[in-house]
Amino acid sequence: MTPRTVHQLFNLQGKTALVTGGSRGLGLQMAHALGEAGARLILSSRKAADLEEATRELKAAGIDASWIAADGQSEADMQRLADEAIARLGRVDILVNNAGAAWGAPAEDHPIDAWDKVMDLNVRSYFVLSQRIAKQSMIPHGGGSIINTASIAGLGGNPKGMTTIAYNTSKGAVINFTRALAAEWGAHHIRVNAVCPGFFPSKMTAGTLKAMGEDKLAQHAPLGRLGDDEDLKGLTLLFASDAGKHITGQWMAVDGGVSIITGG
């Protein structure tokens, strides 16, 4: 076999991808990366209006994209999403589990229903959707790539003043879910990896950035900056493409170096 060029290894022409939480923020950035490399996309989140806007943005960039609204906290919705995505695309080669929620409250006062909401969306939905996509598409078609969005919050505790016990717990679970699933599904040629973003400006992080101070958080990072609209693209494409075909069960922090000084 003649070794492929770098451009060939990263090329996703002919591949298909489903991105949850894909209507904005990190999910939309990851969708851009996959689409710009040639993949056909389906985005999913709860709100049709947000999905329509995101799909218009992707199409304007020359990307083949459509959407399916679904609630990640509903097992029935996740199974419907998997089935509809497979029906539309023919198969799903790449699954990005990115939908997520956070909740801020001191651990001693954290509402139990809020704990359940965060864990259901951030962990349970990843398993339900991965299971359905693998069983109905990836295993029958000889493999695929699953990319889970974790967080540097899953690597340890928080700086003083941050109270997100459920979120941290859920993202730690995502990291080990990634490892365990990769070990089991390697036999099916399914690779499973996780991205661990640091602070990126987004709707989810707006409150934290305001409370903690965006400049202060940026200065805490060795690179002296927060993440931007490009910083997840490279890793997403590596995990999704044949450039990463020998990488599975791994997590990578994209955080400007924050985790190297906090012990992650």
Protein backbone atom coordinates (compact mmCIF):
# COMPACT_ATOMS: atom_id res chain seq x y z
CA MET A 1 0.00 0.00 0.00
CA THR A 2 1.34 3.39 -0.99
CA PRO A 3 1.27 5.76 1.98
CA ARG A 4 -1.32 8.48 1.61
CA THR A 5 -0.49 12.15 1.71
CA VAL A 6 -1.48 14.30 4.68
CA HIS A 7 -4.24 15.86 2.61
CA GLN A 8 -5.62 12.43 1.76
CA LEU A 9 -5.52 11.26 5.37
CA PHE A 10 -7.50 14.25 6.62
CA ASN A 11 -9.98 14.19 3.72
CA LEU A 12 -13.56 13.29 4.75
CA GLN A 13 -15.09 13.23 1.27
CA GLY A 14 -17.70 10.48 1.16
CA LYS A 15 -18.01 10.37 4.96
CA THR A 16 -21.09 11.23 7.00
CA ALA A 17 -21.38 12.78 10.45
CA LEU A 18 -23.98 13.43 13.15
CA VAL A 19 -23.22 16.25 15.59
CA THR A 20 -25.35 16.75 18.69
CA GLY A 21 -25.43 20.15 20.32
CA GLY A 22 -24.41 21.29 16.86
CA SER A 23 -26.47 24.45 16.52
CA ARG A 24 -23.99 26.79 18.23
CA GLY A 25 -20.73 27.09 20.13
CA LEU A 26 -18.31 24.20 20.19
CA GLY A 27 -20.65 21.82 18.38
CA LEU A 28 -21.05 24.19 15.45
CA GLN A 29 -17.28 24.73 15.33
CA MET A 30 -16.75 20.95 15.20
CA ALA A 31 -19.40 20.66 12.50
CA HIS A 32 -17.56 23.26 10.43
CA ALA A 33 -14.34 21.26 10.75
CA LEU A 34 -15.99 18.05 9.54
CA GLY A 35 -17.91 19.75 6.76
CA GLU A 36 -14.93 21.75 5.52
CA ALA A 37 -13.05 18.45 5.20
CA GLY A 38 -15.85 17.07 3.01
CA ALA A 39 -18.24 15.21 5.30
CA ARG A 40 -22.03 15.38 4.88
CA LEU A 41 -23.59 16.52 8.14
CA ILE A 42 -26.69 16.29 10.26
CA LEU A 43 -26.90 18.63 13.23
CA SER A 44 -29.10 18.06 16.23
CA SER A 45 -30.25 20.03 19.28
CA ARG A 46 -33.58 20.76 20.91
CA LYS A 47 -34.48 24.01 19.11
CA ALA A 48 -35.44 23.97 15.45
CA ALA A 49 -34.87 27.71 15.00
CA ASP A 50 -31.26 27.45 16.20
CA LEU A 51 -30.68 24.45 13.95
CA GLU A 52 -32.09 26.26 10.93
CA GLU A 53 -29.74 29.19 11.52
CA ALA A 54 -26.72 26.94 11.98
CA THR A 55 -27.55 24.93 8.88
CA ARG A 56 -27.82 28.12 6.82
CA GLU A 57 -24.37 29.14 8.06
CA LEU A 58 -22.88 25.78 7.07
CA LYS A 59 -24.54 25.77 3.67
CA ALA A 60 -23.24 29.29 3.02
CA ALA A 61 -19.77 27.83 3.57
CA GLY A 62 -20.44 25.19 0.91
CA ILE A 63 -21.13 22.36 3.38
CA ASP A 64 -23.81 19.70 2.85
CA ALA A 65 -25.80 20.01 6.08
CA SER A 66 -29.28 19.33 7.40
CA TRP A 67 -30.80 19.02 10.87
CA ILE A 68 -33.03 16.96 13.15
CA ALA A 69 -34.45 18.39 16.37
CA ALA A 70 -34.22 16.03 19.34
CA ASP A 71 -34.04 16.21 23.13
CA GLY A 72 -30.93 14.52 24.53
CA GLN A 73 -32.69 13.77 27.81
CA SER A 74 -35.23 11.57 26.02
CA GLU A 75 -34.19 8.01 25.23
CA ALA A 76 -36.92 7.79 22.59
CA ASP A 77 -35.69 10.99 20.96
CA MET A 78 -32.10 9.74 20.85
CA GLN A 79 -33.18 6.50 19.22
CA ARG A 80 -35.34 8.39 16.73
CA LEU A 81 -32.43 10.73 15.98
CA ALA A 82 -30.13 7.79 15.28
CA ASP A 83 -32.65 6.07 13.04
CA GLU A 84 -33.52 9.23 11.07
CA ALA A 85 -29.87 10.17 10.63
CA ILE A 86 -29.01 6.72 9.30
CA ALA A 87 -32.03 6.78 6.99
CA ARG A 88 -31.05 10.16 5.55
CA LEU A 89 -27.30 9.63 5.29
CA GLY A 90 -27.27 5.90 4.53
CA ARG A 91 -24.90 5.37 7.45
CA VAL A 92 -23.17 7.42 10.15
CA ASP A 93 -19.38 7.26 9.97
CA ILE A 94 -18.68 9.93 12.59
CA LEU A 95 -20.69 10.66 15.73
CA VAL A 96 -19.94 13.76 17.78
CA ASN A 97 -21.57 13.60 21.21
CA ASN A 98 -21.48 17.24 22.18
CA ALA A 99 -24.86 18.19 23.68
CA GLY A 100 -24.48 19.22 27.29
CA ALA A 101 -25.74 21.19 30.25
CA ALA A 102 -24.24 22.79 33.35
CA TRP A 103 -25.63 23.86 36.71
CA GLY A 104 -24.04 26.06 39.31
CA ALA A 105 -24.81 25.53 43.00
CA PRO A 106 -22.86 24.70 46.16
CA ALA A 107 -22.62 20.93 46.56
CA GLU A 108 -24.52 21.01 49.85
CA ASP A 109 -27.45 22.80 48.18
CA HIS A 110 -27.32 21.34 44.68
CA PRO A 111 -30.84 20.32 43.58
CA ILE A 112 -31.18 16.61 42.91
CA ASP A 113 -33.33 17.19 39.84
CA ALA A 114 -30.62 19.48 38.44
CA TRP A 115 -28.03 16.75 39.13
CA ASP A 116 -30.19 14.29 37.20
CA LYS A 117 -30.64 16.72 34.29
CA VAL A 118 -26.89 17.27 33.93
CA MET A 119 -26.05 13.57 34.22
CA ASP A 120 -28.82 12.51 31.84
CA LEU A 121 -27.77 14.93 29.11
CA ASN A 122 -24.00 14.83 29.59
CA VAL A 123 -23.58 11.09 30.11
CA ARG A 124 -26.70 8.99 29.56
CA SER A 125 -27.56 10.55 26.19
CA TYR A 126 -24.01 9.87 24.97
CA PHE A 127 -24.43 6.18 25.73
CA VAL A 128 -27.94 5.87 24.32
CA LEU A 129 -27.00 7.52 21.03
CA SER A 130 -23.64 5.77 20.71
CA GLN A 131 -25.24 2.40 21.32
CA ARG A 132 -27.92 2.95 18.68
CA ILE A 133 -25.55 4.37 16.07
CA ALA A 134 -22.99 1.61 16.61
CA LYS A 135 -25.52 -1.21 16.50
CA GLN A 136 -27.48 0.09 13.50
CA SER A 137 -24.66 1.61 11.43
CA MET A 138 -21.03 1.47 12.55
CA ILE A 139 -20.79 -2.23 13.40
CA PRO A 140 -22.62 -3.39 10.23
CA HIS A 141 -20.51 -1.05 8.08
CA GLY A 142 -17.18 -2.06 9.57
CA GLY A 143 -16.33 0.81 11.92
CA GLY A 144 -16.47 4.51 12.59
CA SER A 145 -15.32 7.28 14.87
CA ILE A 146 -17.06 8.59 17.99
CA ILE A 147 -15.92 11.90 19.46
CA ASN A 148 -17.16 12.79 22.93
CA THR A 149 -17.01 16.31 24.31
CA ALA A 150 -15.68 16.14 27.85
CA SER A 151 -13.99 19.11 29.58
CA ILE A 152 -10.97 19.99 31.66
CA ALA A 153 -13.60 20.21 34.43
CA GLY A 154 -13.62 16.40 34.28
CA LEU A 155 -9.94 16.23 35.21
CA GLY A 156 -10.27 17.48 38.77
CA GLY A 157 -11.81 20.09 41.03
CA ASN A 158 -12.59 23.71 40.35
CA PRO A 159 -10.86 27.00 41.10
CA LYS A 160 -12.17 28.68 44.23
CA GLY A 161 -15.58 30.21 43.62
CA MET A 162 -16.79 27.73 40.99
CA THR A 163 -19.52 25.36 42.17
CA THR A 164 -20.40 22.89 39.40
CA ILE A 165 -20.23 19.50 41.11
CA ALA A 166 -22.63 17.75 38.72
CA TYR A 167 -20.92 19.13 35.62
CA ASN A 168 -17.45 18.10 36.82
CA THR A 169 -18.70 14.65 37.74
CA SER A 170 -20.41 14.18 34.39
CA LYS A 171 -17.35 15.19 32.41
CA GLY A 172 -15.14 12.88 34.43
CA ALA A 173 -17.60 10.12 33.58
CA VAL A 174 -17.38 11.01 29.87
CA ILE A 175 -13.62 10.53 29.94
CA ASN A 176 -13.83 7.03 31.38
CA PHE A 177 -16.87 6.21 29.21
CA THR A 178 -14.63 7.06 26.26
CA ARG A 179 -11.88 4.72 27.46
CA ALA A 180 -14.20 1.84 28.29
CA LEU A 181 -16.12 2.08 25.03
CA ALA A 182 -12.92 2.30 22.99
CA ALA A 183 -11.59 -0.85 24.65
CA GLU A 184 -14.78 -2.79 23.96
CA TRP A 185 -15.55 -1.52 20.46
CA GLY A 186 -12.03 -1.63 19.06
CA ALA A 187 -12.87 -5.13 17.85
CA HIS A 188 -15.51 -3.50 15.60
CA HIS A 189 -12.99 -0.93 14.29
CA ILE A 190 -14.85 1.85 16.11
CA ARG A 191 -12.53 4.48 17.53
CA VAL A 192 -13.73 6.48 20.54
CA ASN A 193 -11.93 9.62 21.72
CA ALA A 194 -12.70 12.72 23.77
CA VAL A 195 -11.93 16.40 23.47
CA CYS A 196 -11.53 18.31 26.75
CA PRO A 197 -12.02 22.01 26.10
CA GLY A 198 -10.99 24.67 28.56
CA PHE A 199 -12.77 28.01 28.60
CA PHE A 200 -14.30 29.04 25.28
CA PRO A 201 -16.72 31.97 25.11
CA SER A 202 -20.20 30.49 24.59
CA LYS A 203 -23.75 30.75 25.83
CA MET A 204 -23.04 28.01 28.40
CA THR A 205 -19.92 29.70 29.78
CA ALA A 206 -21.15 33.32 29.63
CA GLY A 207 -22.14 33.41 33.30
CA THR A 208 -18.87 31.90 34.50
CA LEU A 209 -16.77 34.19 32.32
CA LYS A 210 -18.63 37.21 33.69
CA ALA A 211 -18.37 36.07 37.31
CA MET A 212 -14.73 34.95 37.18
CA GLY A 213 -13.53 37.62 34.76
CA GLU A 214 -12.67 36.76 31.17
CA ASP A 215 -9.31 38.54 31.31
CA LYS A 216 -8.41 36.85 34.60
CA LEU A 217 -9.21 33.40 33.22
CA ALA A 218 -7.20 34.12 30.07
CA GLN A 219 -4.20 35.27 32.11
CA HIS A 220 -4.35 32.04 34.12
CA ALA A 221 -3.63 30.02 30.98
CA PRO A 222 0.04 29.60 30.02
CA LEU A 223 -0.84 30.78 26.50
CA GLY A 224 -2.63 33.80 27.97
CA ARG A 225 -5.87 33.39 26.03
CA LEU A 226 -9.23 31.65 25.90
CA GLY A 227 -10.31 29.29 23.13
CA ASP A 228 -11.70 30.74 19.91
CA ASP A 229 -13.76 29.68 16.89
CA GLU A 230 -10.87 27.69 15.37
CA ASP A 231 -9.23 25.94 18.28
CA LEU A 232 -11.23 22.68 18.26
CA LYS A 233 -11.11 22.19 14.51
CA GLY A 234 -7.74 20.48 14.26
CA LEU A 235 -8.31 17.92 16.99
CA THR A 236 -11.83 17.17 15.77
CA LEU A 237 -10.53 16.43 12.30
CA LEU A 238 -7.67 14.30 13.64
CA PHE A 239 -10.04 12.13 15.68
CA ALA A 240 -12.59 11.88 12.85
CA SER A 241 -10.28 11.11 9.93
CA ASP A 242 -7.85 8.41 8.87
CA ALA A 243 -5.07 10.69 10.11
CA GLY A 244 -6.08 9.39 13.54
CA LYS A 245 -6.86 5.80 12.56
CA HIS A 246 -4.48 4.41 15.21
CA ILE A 247 -5.78 6.64 18.02
CA THR A 248 -8.54 5.43 20.32
CA GLY A 249 -9.52 5.71 23.97
CA GLN A 250 -7.70 9.01 24.34
CA TRP A 251 -8.61 12.45 25.65
CA MET A 252 -6.90 15.70 24.77
CA ALA A 253 -7.18 19.04 26.57
CA VAL A 254 -7.62 22.10 24.37
CA ASP A 255 -7.24 24.72 27.06
CA GLY A 256 -4.24 26.95 26.45
CA GLY A 257 -2.30 24.88 28.98
CA VAL A 258 -4.55 25.42 32.00
CA SER A 259 -4.63 21.72 32.90
CA ILE A 260 -0.84 21.42 33.08
CA ILE A 261 -0.74 23.86 35.99
CA THR A 262 -3.90 22.64 37.75
CA GLY A 263 -2.78 19.03 37.84
CA GLY A 264 -5.04 17.61 35.13
